[in-house]
Protein backbone atom coordinates (compact mmCIF):
# COMPACT_ATOMS: atom_id res chain seq x y z
CA MET A 1 -47.48 52.75 58.73
CA ASN A 2 -47.26 49.21 57.34
CA THR A 3 -48.11 46.20 59.45
CA PHE A 4 -44.45 45.55 60.22
CA ASP A 5 -43.14 49.10 60.12
CA PHE A 6 -42.04 49.74 63.70
CA THR A 7 -39.06 51.29 65.41
CA PRO A 8 -36.98 49.89 68.28
CA GLU A 9 -38.57 52.55 70.52
CA GLU A 10 -42.04 51.32 69.58
CA LEU A 11 -41.01 47.74 70.32
CA HIS A 12 -39.75 48.90 73.73
CA LEU A 13 -43.07 50.69 74.42
CA ASN A 14 -45.06 47.64 73.25
CA LYS A 15 -43.09 45.46 75.67
CA GLN A 16 -44.35 47.75 78.44
CA GLY A 17 -47.92 47.38 77.16
CA LEU A 18 -47.99 50.88 75.65
CA LEU A 19 -48.58 52.20 72.15
CA SER A 20 -46.47 54.90 70.52
CA THR A 21 -48.01 58.13 69.23
CA ARG A 22 -47.54 56.91 65.67
CA GLN A 23 -49.26 53.60 66.44
CA ARG A 24 -52.16 55.45 68.14
CA ASP A 25 -52.45 57.68 65.05
CA MET A 26 -52.59 54.60 62.82
CA LEU A 27 -55.37 53.13 64.98
CA ARG A 28 -57.18 56.48 64.89
CA MET A 29 -57.01 56.56 61.07
CA THR A 30 -58.27 52.97 60.87
CA ALA A 31 -61.16 53.80 63.22
CA ARG A 32 -62.03 56.86 61.13
CA GLY A 33 -62.05 54.64 58.02
CA VAL A 34 -64.43 52.19 59.70
CA ARG A 35 -66.87 54.99 60.52
CA ALA A 36 -66.55 56.55 57.05
CA SER A 37 -67.20 53.28 55.25
CA SER A 38 -70.32 52.66 57.34
CA MET A 39 -71.65 56.11 56.45
CA THR A 40 -70.92 55.49 52.77
CA SER A 41 -72.90 52.26 52.93
CA VAL A 42 -75.78 54.16 54.53
CA TYR A 43 -75.89 56.60 51.60
CA VAL A 44 -75.81 53.75 49.08
CA ILE A 45 -78.57 51.82 50.87
CA VAL A 46 -80.80 54.90 51.17
CA GLY A 47 -80.24 55.69 47.49
CA PHE A 48 -81.24 52.19 46.40
CA MET A 49 -84.23 52.24 48.75
CA ILE A 50 -85.52 55.51 47.28
CA PHE A 51 -84.88 54.29 43.73
CA GLY A 52 -86.68 50.99 44.40
CA MET A 53 -89.68 52.63 46.04
CA CYS A 54 -90.00 55.16 43.20
CA LEU A 55 -89.80 52.35 40.67
CA ILE A 56 -92.50 50.33 42.45
CA LEU A 57 -94.76 53.37 42.76
CA ALA A 58 -94.24 54.22 39.09
CA LEU A 59 -95.23 50.70 38.09
CA TYR A 60 -98.30 50.77 40.34
CA LEU A 61 -99.42 54.18 39.08
CA GLN A 62 -98.82 53.26 35.45
CA ASN A 63 -102.43 52.47 34.54
CA GLU A 64 -105.90 52.49 36.03
CA ASP A 65 -106.07 48.79 37.01
CA THR A 66 -102.81 48.81 38.98
CA ARG A 67 -103.76 52.12 40.66
CA ALA A 68 -107.05 50.54 41.73
CA ALA A 69 -105.19 47.48 43.05
CA LEU A 70 -102.80 49.69 45.03
CA PHE A 71 -105.54 51.71 46.70
CA SER A 72 -108.02 48.83 47.14
CA ASN A 73 -106.46 47.63 50.38
CA PRO A 74 -104.96 49.91 53.07
CA LEU A 75 -102.35 47.24 53.84
CA ASN A 76 -100.84 47.86 50.41
CA LEU A 77 -100.09 51.44 51.42
CA LEU A 78 -98.69 50.40 54.82
CA VAL A 79 -95.96 48.37 53.13
CA PHE A 80 -94.02 51.49 52.11
CA PRO A 81 -93.66 53.00 55.61
CA ALA A 82 -92.91 49.54 56.99
CA ILE A 83 -90.05 49.15 54.50
CA VAL A 84 -88.68 52.56 55.48
CA ILE A 85 -88.84 51.68 59.20
CA VAL A 86 -87.15 48.28 58.74
CA ILE A 87 -84.36 49.75 56.62
CA ALA A 88 -83.92 52.63 59.08
CA LEU A 89 -83.51 50.13 61.92
CA VAL A 90 -80.95 48.16 59.91
CA LEU A 91 -79.04 51.37 59.14
CA ILE A 92 -79.03 52.39 62.80
CA PHE A 93 -77.65 48.95 63.66
CA VAL A 94 -74.92 49.29 61.00
CA ILE A 95 -73.90 52.73 62.28
CA LEU A 96 -73.85 51.63 65.91
CA LEU A 97 -71.85 48.51 65.07
CA ALA A 98 -69.28 50.59 63.16
CA ARG A 99 -68.99 53.09 66.01
CA TRP A 100 -68.57 50.25 68.51
CA ALA A 101 -65.79 48.70 66.38
CA SER A 102 -64.04 52.05 65.92
CA ASN A 103 -64.24 52.84 69.65
CA LYS A 104 -62.72 49.44 70.42
CA LEU A 105 -59.89 50.29 68.04
CA LEU A 106 -59.31 53.65 69.71
CA ASN A 107 -59.16 52.01 73.14
CA ALA A 108 -57.24 48.90 72.10
CA GLN A 109 -54.70 47.46 74.51
CA ILE A 110 -51.49 45.66 73.61
CA GLN A 111 -51.74 41.88 73.79
CA VAL A 112 -48.90 39.39 73.49
CA ALA A 113 -48.61 36.11 71.64
CA GLU A 114 -45.48 34.05 72.12
CA GLY A 115 -44.30 30.72 70.85
CA GLU A 116 -43.11 28.67 67.95
CA VAL A 117 -44.19 29.79 64.48
CA HIS A 118 -46.20 27.53 62.19
CA LEU A 119 -47.26 28.64 58.72
CA ASP A 120 -50.42 27.62 56.91
CA GLN A 121 -52.34 28.69 53.84
CA GLU A 122 -55.80 28.12 52.46
CA TYR A 123 -57.03 28.69 48.91
CA SER A 124 -60.64 29.71 48.40
CA SER A 125 -61.86 28.78 44.93
CA ASN A 126 -65.03 30.83 45.47
CA ALA A 127 -63.14 34.03 46.31
CA GLY A 128 -60.19 33.26 44.05
CA PHE A 129 -57.42 34.08 46.50
CA THR A 130 -55.17 32.47 49.07
CA SER A 131 -55.27 33.31 52.77
CA TYR A 132 -52.03 32.92 54.67
CA TYR A 133 -51.89 32.16 58.39
CA VAL A 134 -49.09 32.54 60.89
CA TYR A 135 -49.54 30.67 64.16
CA VAL A 136 -47.48 32.08 67.02
CA GLY A 137 -47.94 29.56 69.78
CA ARG A 138 -51.71 29.02 69.78
CA LYS A 139 -52.57 32.45 68.34
CA ARG A 140 -53.48 32.65 64.64
CA PHE A 141 -52.88 35.76 62.53
CA GLY A 142 -54.35 36.02 59.03
CA PHE A 143 -52.66 37.73 56.07
CA THR A 144 -53.34 38.28 52.40
CA ASP A 145 -49.63 37.87 51.57
CA ASP A 146 -47.19 35.07 52.28
CA MET A 147 -45.35 35.89 55.51
CA SER A 148 -42.73 33.12 55.28
CA HIS A 149 -40.07 35.74 54.51
CA THR A 150 -40.70 37.39 57.91
CA PHE A 151 -41.76 34.48 60.11
CA LYS A 152 -39.76 31.30 59.57
CA GLU A 153 -41.34 27.94 60.35
CA GLY A 154 -40.24 26.61 63.74
CA GLU A 155 -38.63 29.83 65.02
CA LYS A 156 -39.83 31.40 68.26
CA PHE A 157 -41.38 34.87 68.21
CA ARG A 158 -43.12 37.24 70.57
CA VAL A 159 -45.78 39.30 68.79
CA TYR A 160 -47.34 42.47 70.23
CA TYR A 161 -50.75 43.12 68.72
CA VAL A 162 -54.05 44.84 69.34
CA LYS A 163 -57.40 43.11 68.96
CA ALA A 164 -60.54 45.14 68.55
CA SER A 165 -63.61 43.21 67.38
CA ALA A 166 -62.72 41.77 63.96
CA TYR A 167 -59.47 43.72 63.71
CA GLU A 168 -56.17 42.21 64.80
CA LEU A 169 -53.24 44.44 64.01
CA ILE A 170 -49.64 43.52 64.72
CA MET A 171 -47.84 46.48 66.27
CA SER A 172 -44.39 44.90 66.63
CA TYR A 173 -42.63 41.58 67.11
CA GLU A 174 -39.32 40.18 68.21
CA LYS A 175 -37.53 36.96 67.42
CA LEU A 176 -36.70 34.96 70.54
CA GLU A 177 -33.50 33.03 70.94
CA THR A 178 -34.06 29.30 71.35
């Protein structure tokens, strides 16, 4: 389902504050993707942590002087478990944050923005791309593509969307007569 791929029945349901089965499925798939990407990042972080610790240990155990320096102070040996504990806490935070965001997506409620449309864009030279914004009344929606073909400057629209943490997904919209 694309951002603006909705049926008249879905628009009717959204007007009542309800989501269609297809829209719920789309939110479910997005939530599953959020959880999956967080787990992928956990595997990558753990892999780099193990690689880094093995590399450091290999360098320390390389010759007699560095081995003596490693074992000369017990604090040197406490650094490794401390690193593991800190990274484990960060990973737990990442997983919990992703689960919180995905649960908010699964329980998202329809919200409404209504008003005159204003278009804006912003180029980021650091990122190398343009962000496009559609203001419906006072509500701002961000896009990676130009939406001037859908939302015309100065026209009135009513947009039905869900907001869950950083995610704002447009479910449907209707043009209002002025």
